[in-house]
Amino acid sequence: MKAMKIQMKSNCGNSRNVQDIDSIYIDQTGTYWKKAEVYDYLKQFPKSIQVNIFPYPYLVPVMSILGEKYVRSEANDTVTDNLLKLPRGYGK
């Protein structure tokens, strides 16, 4: 599966923080998933969703120090997380 687009939280449209992502559009499901749902899915099925941007890194589940579930892409040689390079929507 591939992550194709992201929806940002309200007032976070230009954020460069993956924790400000509200939901992620997954191609095979044809819908947006809340980031906590993607986190839970990846805990059960690791390495099952990739970012649709070269080098197609896998999404990994991460828990913030405050207990917030979110996801990011596997680290690579880019400065900005590849997930944040996907097309984005606003206002959720």
PDB file of N, CA and C in Angstrom:
ATOM      1  N   MET A   1       0.837  -1.174   0.000  1.00  0.00           N
ATOM      2  CA  MET A   1       0.000   0.000   0.000  1.00  0.00           C
ATOM      3  C   MET A   1       0.882   1.237   0.000  1.00  0.00           C
ATOM      4  N   LYS A   2       0.302   2.321  -0.505  1.00  0.00           N
ATOM      5  CA  LYS A   2       1.053   3.569  -0.576  1.00  0.00           C
ATOM      6  C   LYS A   2       0.265   4.709   0.061  1.00  0.00           C
ATOM      7  N   ALA A   3       0.967   5.545   0.815  1.00  0.00           N
ATOM      8  CA  ALA A   3       0.417   6.802   1.312  1.00  0.00           C
ATOM      9  C   ALA A   3       0.531   7.804   0.177  1.00  0.00           C
ATOM     10  N   MET A   4      -0.602   8.373  -0.242  1.00  0.00           N
ATOM     11  CA  MET A   4      -0.641   9.232  -1.420  1.00  0.00           C
ATOM     12  C   MET A   4      -0.776  10.723  -1.109  1.00  0.00           C
ATOM     13  N   LYS A   5      -1.541  11.068  -0.054  1.00  0.00           N
ATOM     14  CA  LYS A   5      -1.814  12.459   0.319  1.00  0.00           C
ATOM     15  C   LYS A   5      -1.914  12.529   1.835  1.00  0.00           C
ATOM     16  N   ILE A   6      -1.787  13.745   2.362  1.00  0.00           N
ATOM     17  CA  ILE A   6      -1.978  13.959   3.790  1.00  0.00           C
ATOM     18  C   ILE A   6      -2.962  15.095   4.019  1.00  0.00           C
ATOM     19  N   GLN A   7      -3.689  15.031   5.105  1.00  0.00           N
ATOM     20  CA  GLN A   7      -4.542  16.118   5.589  1.00  0.00           C
ATOM     21  C   GLN A   7      -3.893  16.642   6.850  1.00  0.00           C
ATOM     22  N   MET A   8      -3.720  17.934   6.946  1.00  0.00           N
ATOM     23  CA  MET A   8      -3.121  18.538   8.124  1.00  0.00           C
ATOM     24  C   MET A   8      -4.201  18.953   9.119  1.00  0.00           C
ATOM     25  N   LYS A   9      -3.822  19.065  10.394  1.00  0.00           N
ATOM     26  CA  LYS A   9      -4.729  19.600  11.408  1.00  0.00           C
ATOM     27  C   LYS A   9      -5.040  21.054  11.068  1.00  0.00           C
ATOM     28  N   SER A  10      -6.132  21.568  11.637  1.00  0.00           N
ATOM     29  CA  SER A  10      -6.493  22.981  11.445  1.00  0.00           C
ATOM     30  C   SER A  10      -5.337  23.881  11.860  1.00  0.00           C
ATOM     31  N   ASN A  11      -5.122  24.921  11.082  1.00  0.00           N
ATOM     32  CA  ASN A  11      -4.075  25.923  11.339  1.00  0.00           C
ATOM     33  C   ASN A  11      -2.659  25.364  11.265  1.00  0.00           C
ATOM     34  N   CYS A  12      -2.489  24.200  10.646  1.00  0.00           N
ATOM     35  CA  CYS A  12      -1.154  23.590  10.520  1.00  0.00           C
ATOM     36  C   CYS A  12      -0.802  23.327   9.062  1.00  0.00           C
ATOM     37  N   GLY A  13      -1.433  24.051   8.153  1.00  0.00           N
ATOM     38  CA  GLY A  13      -1.258  23.790   6.734  1.00  0.00           C
ATOM     39  C   GLY A  13       0.165  23.829   6.232  1.00  0.00           C
ATOM     40  N   ASN A  14       1.001  24.684   6.807  1.00  0.00           N
ATOM     41  CA  ASN A  14       2.380  24.802   6.341  1.00  0.00           C
ATOM     42  C   ASN A  14       3.384  24.138   7.272  1.00  0.00           C
ATOM     43  N   SER A  15       2.896  23.377   8.219  1.00  0.00           N
ATOM     44  CA  SER A  15       3.769  22.757   9.218  1.00  0.00           C
ATOM     45  C   SER A  15       4.740  21.763   8.587  1.00  0.00           C
ATOM     46  N   ARG A  16       5.914  21.680   9.175  1.00  0.00           N
ATOM     47  CA  ARG A  16       6.926  20.697   8.779  1.00  0.00           C
ATOM     48  C   ARG A  16       7.116  19.657   9.890  1.00  0.00           C
ATOM     49  N   ASN A  17       6.039  19.437  10.666  1.00  0.00           N
ATOM     50  CA  ASN A  17       6.073  18.495  11.771  1.00  0.00           C
ATOM     51  C   ASN A  17       5.082  17.369  11.492  1.00  0.00           C
ATOM     52  N   VAL A  18       5.556  16.129  11.462  1.00  0.00           N
ATOM     53  CA  VAL A  18       4.667  14.999  11.161  1.00  0.00           C
ATOM     54  C   VAL A  18       3.564  14.834  12.209  1.00  0.00           C
ATOM     55  N   GLN A  19       3.776  15.358  13.410  1.00  0.00           N
ATOM     56  CA  GLN A  19       2.733  15.266  14.436  1.00  0.00           C
ATOM     57  C   GLN A  19       1.527  16.147  14.117  1.00  0.00           C
ATOM     58  N   ASP A  20       1.681  17.086  13.191  1.00  0.00           N
ATOM     59  CA  ASP A  20       0.579  17.957  12.783  1.00  0.00           C
ATOM     60  C   ASP A  20      -0.267  17.361  11.665  1.00  0.00           C
ATOM     61  N   ILE A  21       0.047  16.156  11.248  1.00  0.00           N
ATOM     62  CA  ILE A  21      -0.769  15.457  10.252  1.00  0.00           C
ATOM     63  C   ILE A  21      -2.020  14.932  10.958  1.00  0.00           C
ATOM     64  N   ASP A  22      -3.178  15.144  10.344  1.00  0.00           N
ATOM     65  CA  ASP A  22      -4.440  14.636  10.881  1.00  0.00           C
ATOM     66  C   ASP A  22      -4.744  13.251  10.317  1.00  0.00           C
ATOM     67  N   SER A  23      -4.629  13.114   8.988  1.00  0.00           N
ATOM     68  CA  SER A  23      -4.973  11.847   8.350  1.00  0.00           C
ATOM     69  C   SER A  23      -4.163  11.660   7.071  1.00  0.00           C
ATOM     70  N   ILE A  24      -4.133  10.405   6.624  1.00  0.00           N
ATOM     71  CA  ILE A  24      -3.303  10.002   5.489  1.00  0.00           C
ATOM     72  C   ILE A  24      -4.168   9.213   4.508  1.00  0.00           C
ATOM     73  N   TYR A  25      -4.097   9.592   3.231  1.00  0.00           N
ATOM     74  CA  TYR A  25      -4.850   8.890   2.192  1.00  0.00           C
ATOM     75  C   TYR A  25      -4.051   7.674   1.738  1.00  0.00           C
ATOM     76  N   ILE A  26      -4.663   6.503   1.845  1.00  0.00           N
ATOM     77  CA  ILE A  26      -4.025   5.238   1.460  1.00  0.00           C
ATOM     78  C   ILE A  26      -4.651   4.747   0.160  1.00  0.00           C
ATOM     79  N   ASP A  27      -3.817   4.489  -0.848  1.00  0.00           N
ATOM     80  CA  ASP A  27      -4.315   4.180  -2.184  1.00  0.00           C
ATOM     81  C   ASP A  27      -5.228   2.962  -2.238  1.00  0.00           C
ATOM     82  N   GLN A  28      -4.862   1.859  -1.631  1.00  0.00           N
ATOM     83  CA  GLN A  28      -5.652   0.630  -1.777  1.00  0.00           C
ATOM     84  C   GLN A  28      -6.987   0.676  -1.053  1.00  0.00           C
ATOM     85  N   THR A  29      -7.112   1.560  -0.072  1.00  0.00           N
ATOM     86  CA  THR A  29      -8.387   1.677   0.627  1.00  0.00           C
ATOM     87  C   THR A  29      -9.256   2.770   0.018  1.00  0.00           C
ATOM     88  N   GLY A  30      -8.620   3.707  -0.683  1.00  0.00           N
ATOM     89  CA  GLY A  30      -9.358   4.789  -1.331  1.00  0.00           C
ATOM     90  C   GLY A  30      -9.956   5.788  -0.364  1.00  0.00           C
ATOM     91  N   THR A  31      -9.341   5.916   0.812  1.00  0.00           N
ATOM     92  CA  THR A  31      -9.869   6.836   1.814  1.00  0.00           C
ATOM     93  C   THR A  31      -8.757   7.347   2.722  1.00  0.00           C
ATOM     94  N   TYR A  32      -9.090   8.399   3.478  1.00  0.00           N
ATOM     95  CA  TYR A  32      -8.167   8.916   4.482  1.00  0.00           C
ATOM     96  C   TYR A  32      -8.306   8.104   5.759  1.00  0.00           C
ATOM     97  N   TRP A  33      -7.180   7.830   6.405  1.00  0.00           N
ATOM     98  CA  TRP A  33      -7.140   7.194   7.721  1.00  0.00           C
ATOM     99  C   TRP A  33      -6.571   8.200   8.700  1.00  0.00           C
ATOM    100  N   LYS A  34      -7.153   8.280   9.899  1.00  0.00           N
ATOM    101  CA  LYS A  34      -6.571   9.102  10.958  1.00  0.00           C
ATOM    102  C   LYS A  34      -5.189   8.546  11.290  1.00  0.00           C
ATOM    103  N   LYS A  35      -4.276   9.428  11.677  1.00  0.00           N
ATOM    104  CA  LYS A  35      -2.902   8.981  11.931  1.00  0.00           C
ATOM    105  C   LYS A  35      -2.839   7.921  13.025  1.00  0.00           C
ATOM    106  N   ALA A  36      -3.700   7.982  14.028  1.00  0.00           N
ATOM    107  CA  ALA A  36      -3.713   6.959  15.086  1.00  0.00           C
ATOM    108  C   ALA A  36      -4.155   5.602  14.529  1.00  0.00           C
ATOM    109  N   GLU A  37      -5.053   5.611  13.548  1.00  0.00           N
ATOM    110  CA  GLU A  37      -5.473   4.354  12.902  1.00  0.00           C
ATOM    111  C   GLU A  37      -4.319   3.755  12.100  1.00  0.00           C
ATOM    112  N   VAL A  38      -3.574   4.620  11.412  1.00  0.00           N
ATOM    113  CA  VAL A  38      -2.416   4.140  10.650  1.00  0.00           C
ATOM    114  C   VAL A  38      -1.370   3.579  11.619  1.00  0.00           C
ATOM    115  N   TYR A  39      -1.160   4.268  12.733  1.00  0.00           N
ATOM    116  CA  TYR A  39      -0.238   3.795  13.774  1.00  0.00           C
ATOM    117  C   TYR A  39      -0.622   2.376  14.210  1.00  0.00           C
ATOM    118  N   ASP A  40      -1.900   2.193  14.579  1.00  0.00           N
ATOM    119  CA  ASP A  40      -2.371   0.883  15.043  1.00  0.00           C
ATOM    120  C   ASP A  40      -2.198  -0.186  13.973  1.00  0.00           C
ATOM    121  N   TYR A  41      -2.507   0.158  12.724  1.00  0.00           N
ATOM    122  CA  TYR A  41      -2.362  -0.795  11.620  1.00  0.00           C
ATOM    123  C   TYR A  41      -0.897  -1.206  11.461  1.00  0.00           C
ATOM    124  N   LEU A  42       0.001  -0.224  11.518  1.00  0.00           N
ATOM    125  CA  LEU A  42       1.428  -0.521  11.331  1.00  0.00           C
ATOM    126  C   LEU A  42       2.010  -1.311  12.494  1.00  0.00           C
ATOM    127  N   LYS A  43       1.451  -1.168  13.684  1.00  0.00           N
ATOM    128  CA  LYS A  43       1.903  -1.984  14.806  1.00  0.00           C
ATOM    129  C   LYS A  43       1.577  -3.454  14.541  1.00  0.00           C
ATOM    130  N   GLN A  44       0.450  -3.694  13.882  1.00  0.00           N
ATOM    131  CA  GLN A  44       0.031  -5.062  13.560  1.00  0.00           C
ATOM    132  C   GLN A  44       0.672  -5.574  12.267  1.00  0.00           C
ATOM    133  N   PHE A  45       0.868  -4.675  11.298  1.00  0.00           N
ATOM    134  CA  PHE A  45       1.412  -5.061   9.992  1.00  0.00           C
ATOM    135  C   PHE A  45       2.582  -4.141   9.614  1.00  0.00           C
ATOM    136  N   PRO A  46       3.735  -4.305  10.248  1.00  0.00           N
ATOM    137  CA  PRO A  46       4.893  -3.447   9.948  1.00  0.00           C
ATOM    138  C   PRO A  46       5.311  -3.547   8.477  1.00  0.00           C
ATOM    139  N   LYS A  47       5.894  -2.450   7.999  1.00  0.00           N
ATOM    140  CA  LYS A  47       6.404  -2.385   6.624  1.00  0.00           C
ATOM    141  C   LYS A  47       5.344  -2.751   5.583  1.00  0.00           C
ATOM    142  N   SER A  48       4.125  -2.269   5.809  1.00  0.00           N
ATOM    143  CA  SER A  48       3.038  -2.565   4.870  1.00  0.00           C
ATOM    144  C   SER A  48       2.580  -1.332   4.094  1.00  0.00           C
ATOM    145  N   ILE A  49       3.021  -0.134   4.511  1.00  0.00           N
ATOM    146  CA  ILE A  49       2.631   1.103   3.828  1.00  0.00           C
ATOM    147  C   ILE A  49       3.885   1.912   3.527  1.00  0.00           C
ATOM    148  N   GLN A  50       4.013   2.321   2.266  1.00  0.00           N
ATOM    149  CA  GLN A  50       5.143   3.141   1.830  1.00  0.00           C
ATOM    150  C   GLN A  50       4.658   4.529   1.421  1.00  0.00           C
ATOM    151  N   VAL A  51       5.546   5.511   1.514  1.00  0.00           N
ATOM    152  CA  VAL A  51       5.261   6.856   1.023  1.00  0.00           C
ATOM    153  C   VAL A  51       5.421   6.823  -0.504  1.00  0.00           C
ATOM    154  N   ASN A  52       4.491   7.417  -1.203  1.00  0.00           N
ATOM    155  CA  ASN A  52       4.518   7.389  -2.666  1.00  0.00           C
ATOM    156  C   ASN A  52       5.463   8.441  -3.248  1.00  0.00           C
ATOM    157  N   ILE A  53       6.671   8.508  -2.705  1.00  0.00           N
ATOM    158  CA  ILE A  53       7.723   9.395  -3.190  1.00  0.00           C
ATOM    159  C   ILE A  53       9.038   8.630  -3.085  1.00  0.00           C
ATOM    160  N   PHE A  54       9.823   8.670  -4.147  1.00  0.00           N
ATOM    161  CA  PHE A  54      11.128   7.996  -4.147  1.00  0.00           C
ATOM    162  C   PHE A  54      11.952   8.490  -2.974  1.00  0.00           C
ATOM    163  N   PRO A  55      12.597   7.640  -2.256  1.00  0.00           N
ATOM    164  CA  PRO A  55      12.873   6.215  -2.443  1.00  0.00           C
ATOM    165  C   PRO A  55      11.832   5.276  -1.832  1.00  0.00           C
ATOM    166  N   TYR A  56      10.578   5.737  -1.696  1.00  0.00           N
ATOM    167  CA  TYR A  56       9.460   4.936  -1.206  1.00  0.00           C
ATOM    168  C   TYR A  56       9.720   4.331   0.179  1.00  0.00           C
ATOM    169  N   PRO A  57      10.045   5.184   1.154  1.00  0.00           N
ATOM    170  CA  PRO A  57      10.299   4.667   2.499  1.00  0.00           C
ATOM    171  C   PRO A  57       9.013   4.142   3.138  1.00  0.00           C
ATOM    172  N   TYR A  58       9.178   3.202   4.020  1.00  0.00           N
ATOM    173  CA  TYR A  58       8.037   2.678   4.768  1.00  0.00           C
ATOM    174  C   TYR A  58       7.627   3.662   5.854  1.00  0.00           C
ATOM    175  N   LEU A  59       6.337   3.645   6.190  1.00  0.00           N
ATOM    176  CA  LEU A  59       5.861   4.380   7.343  1.00  0.00           C
ATOM    177  C   LEU A  59       6.156   3.563   8.593  1.00  0.00           C
ATOM    178  N   VAL A  60       6.497   4.254   9.664  1.00  0.00           N
ATOM    179  CA  VAL A  60       6.758   3.594  10.943  1.00  0.00           C
ATOM    180  C   VAL A  60       5.920   4.272  12.033  1.00  0.00           C
ATOM    181  N   PRO A  61       5.382   3.472  12.957  1.00  0.00           N
ATOM    182  CA  PRO A  61       4.599   4.037  14.051  1.00  0.00           C
ATOM    183  C   PRO A  61       5.500   4.642  15.123  1.00  0.00           C
ATOM    184  N   VAL A  62       5.087   5.782  15.656  1.00  0.00           N
ATOM    185  CA  VAL A  62       5.866   6.487  16.678  1.00  0.00           C
ATOM    186  C   VAL A  62       4.886   6.982  17.750  1.00  0.00           C
ATOM    187  N   MET A  63       5.324   6.940  19.003  1.00  0.00           N
ATOM    188  CA  MET A  63       4.527   7.455  20.115  1.00  0.00           C
ATOM    189  C   MET A  63       5.252   8.676  20.681  1.00  0.00           C
ATOM    190  N   SER A  64       4.532   9.790  20.796  1.00  0.00           N
ATOM    191  CA  SER A  64       5.144  11.002  21.363  1.00  0.00           C
ATOM    192  C   SER A  64       5.328  10.823  22.868  1.00  0.00           C
ATOM    193  N   ILE A  65       6.098  11.716  23.477  1.00  0.00           N
ATOM    194  CA  ILE A  65       6.306  11.635  24.923  1.00  0.00           C
ATOM    195  C   ILE A  65       5.016  11.919  25.693  1.00  0.00           C
ATOM    196  N   LEU A  66       4.030  12.516  25.003  1.00  0.00           N
ATOM    197  CA  LEU A  66       2.733  12.781  25.622  1.00  0.00           C
ATOM    198  C   LEU A  66       1.709  11.689  25.325  1.00  0.00           C
ATOM    199  N   GLY A  67       2.162  10.613  24.660  1.00  0.00           N
ATOM    200  CA  GLY A  67       1.280   9.488  24.367  1.00  0.00           C
ATOM    201  C   GLY A  67       0.464   9.613  23.094  1.00  0.00           C
ATOM    202  N   GLU A  68       0.808  10.577  22.238  1.00  0.00           N
ATOM    203  CA  GLU A  68       0.093  10.735  20.963  1.00  0.00           C
ATOM    204  C   GLU A  68       0.646   9.752  19.939  1.00  0.00           C
ATOM    205  N   LYS A  69      -0.263   9.016  19.295  1.00  0.00           N
ATOM    206  CA  LYS A  69       0.127   8.091  18.226  1.00  0.00           C
ATOM    207  C   LYS A  69       0.247   8.875  16.925  1.00  0.00           C
ATOM    208  N   TYR A  70       1.344   8.667  16.211  1.00  0.00           N
ATOM    209  CA  TYR A  70       1.503   9.262  14.888  1.00  0.00           C
ATOM    210  C   TYR A  70       2.439   8.390  14.075  1.00  0.00           C
ATOM    211  N   VAL A  71       2.667   8.749  12.833  1.00  0.00           N
ATOM    212  CA  VAL A  71       3.575   7.994  11.968  1.00  0.00           C
ATOM    213  C   VAL A  71       4.533   8.944  11.280  1.00  0.00           C
ATOM    214  N   ARG A  72       5.643   8.414  10.852  1.00  0.00           N
ATOM    215  CA  ARG A  72       6.615   9.145  10.044  1.00  0.00           C
ATOM    216  C   ARG A  72       7.203   8.147   9.077  1.00  0.00           C
ATOM    217  N   SER A  73       7.985   8.626   8.129  1.00  0.00           N
ATOM    218  CA  SER A  73       8.641   7.694   7.218  1.00  0.00           C
ATOM    219  C   SER A  73      10.000   7.302   7.789  1.00  0.00           C
ATOM    220  N   GLU A  74      10.493   6.159   7.337  1.00  0.00           N
ATOM    221  CA  GLU A  74      11.813   5.717   7.766  1.00  0.00           C
ATOM    222  C   GLU A  74      12.846   6.771   7.410  1.00  0.00           C
ATOM    223  N   ALA A  75      13.818   6.930   8.263  1.00  0.00           N
ATOM    224  CA  ALA A  75      14.867   7.922   8.031  1.00  0.00           C
ATOM    225  C   ALA A  75      15.655   7.587   6.770  1.00  0.00           C
ATOM    226  N   ASN A  76      16.006   8.628   6.024  1.00  0.00           N
ATOM    227  CA  ASN A  76      16.885   8.473   4.861  1.00  0.00           C
ATOM    228  C   ASN A  76      17.691   9.763   4.726  1.00  0.00           C
ATOM    229  N   ASP A  77      18.238  10.008   3.558  1.00  0.00           N
ATOM    230  CA  ASP A  77      19.148  11.144   3.407  1.00  0.00           C
ATOM    231  C   ASP A  77      18.451  12.485   3.152  1.00  0.00           C
ATOM    232  N   THR A  78      17.130  12.552   3.308  1.00  0.00           N
ATOM    233  CA  THR A  78      16.435  13.821   3.124  1.00  0.00           C
ATOM    234  C   THR A  78      16.273  14.536   4.464  1.00  0.00           C
ATOM    235  N   VAL A  79      16.248  15.857   4.424  1.00  0.00           N
ATOM    236  CA  VAL A  79      16.100  16.652   5.640  1.00  0.00           C
ATOM    237  C   VAL A  79      14.649  16.606   6.127  1.00  0.00           C
ATOM    238  N   THR A  80      13.714  16.806   5.210  1.00  0.00           N
ATOM    239  CA  THR A  80      12.291  16.793   5.533  1.00  0.00           C
ATOM    240  C   THR A  80      11.747  15.379   5.382  1.00  0.00           C
ATOM    241  N   ASP A  81      10.934  14.947   6.331  1.00  0.00           N
ATOM    242  CA  ASP A  81      10.308  13.628   6.248  1.00  0.00           C
ATOM    243  C   ASP A  81       9.554  13.514   4.927  1.00  0.00           C
ATOM    244  N   ASN A  82       9.740  12.405   4.227  1.00  0.00           N
ATOM    245  CA  ASN A  82       9.091  12.215   2.933  1.00  0.00           C
ATOM    246  C   ASN A  82       7.572  12.285   3.020  1.00  0.00           C
ATOM    247  N   LEU A  83       7.008  11.900   4.133  1.00  0.00           N
ATOM    248  CA  LEU A  83       5.557  11.970   4.304  1.00  0.00           C
ATOM    249  C   LEU A  83       5.063  13.408   4.149  1.00  0.00           C
ATOM    250  N   LEU A  84       5.838  14.371   4.613  1.00  0.00           N
ATOM    251  CA  LEU A  84       5.449  15.786   4.512  1.00  0.00           C
ATOM    252  C   LEU A  84       5.596  16.344   3.107  1.00  0.00           C
ATOM    253  N   LYS A  85       6.203  15.588   2.213  1.00  0.00           N
ATOM    254  CA  LYS A  85       6.354  16.033   0.822  1.00  0.00           C
ATOM    255  C   LYS A  85       5.152  15.639  -0.043  1.00  0.00           C
ATOM    256  N   LEU A  86       4.249  14.861   0.508  1.00  0.00           N
ATOM    257  CA  LEU A  86       3.054  14.459  -0.241  1.00  0.00           C
ATOM    258  C   LEU A  86       2.112  15.652  -0.410  1.00  0.00           C
ATOM    259  N   PRO A  87       1.250  15.592  -1.445  1.00  0.00           N
ATOM    260  CA  PRO A  87       0.242  16.643  -1.565  1.00  0.00           C
ATOM    261  C   PRO A  87      -0.585  16.712  -0.285  1.00  0.00           C
ATOM    262  N   ARG A  88      -0.991  17.918   0.107  1.00  0.00           N
ATOM    263  CA  ARG A  88      -1.720  18.037   1.364  1.00  0.00           C
ATOM    264  C   ARG A  88      -2.994  18.849   1.231  1.00  0.00           C
ATOM    265  N   GLY A  89      -3.912  18.511   2.098  1.00  0.00           N
ATOM    266  CA  GLY A  89      -5.141  19.261   2.258  1.00  0.00           C
ATOM    267  C   GLY A  89      -5.105  19.963   3.593  1.00  0.00           C
ATOM    268  N   TYR A  90      -6.103  20.806   3.858  1.00  0.00           N
ATOM    269  CA  TYR A  90      -6.100  21.629   5.053  1.00  0.00           C
ATOM    270  C   TYR A  90      -7.473  21.586   5.718  1.00  0.00           C
ATOM    271  N   GLY A  91      -7.494  22.034   6.941  1.00  0.00           N
ATOM    272  CA  GLY A  91      -8.753  22.303   7.599  1.00  0.00           C
ATOM    273  C   GLY A  91      -9.376  21.181   8.385  1.00  0.00           C
ATOM    274  N   LYS A  92      -8.723  20.078   8.577  1.00  0.00           N
ATOM    275  CA  LYS A  92      -9.295  18.987   9.370  1.00  0.00           C
ATOM    276  C   LYS A  92      -8.932  19.148  10.803  1.00  0.00           C
TER     277      LYS A  92
END
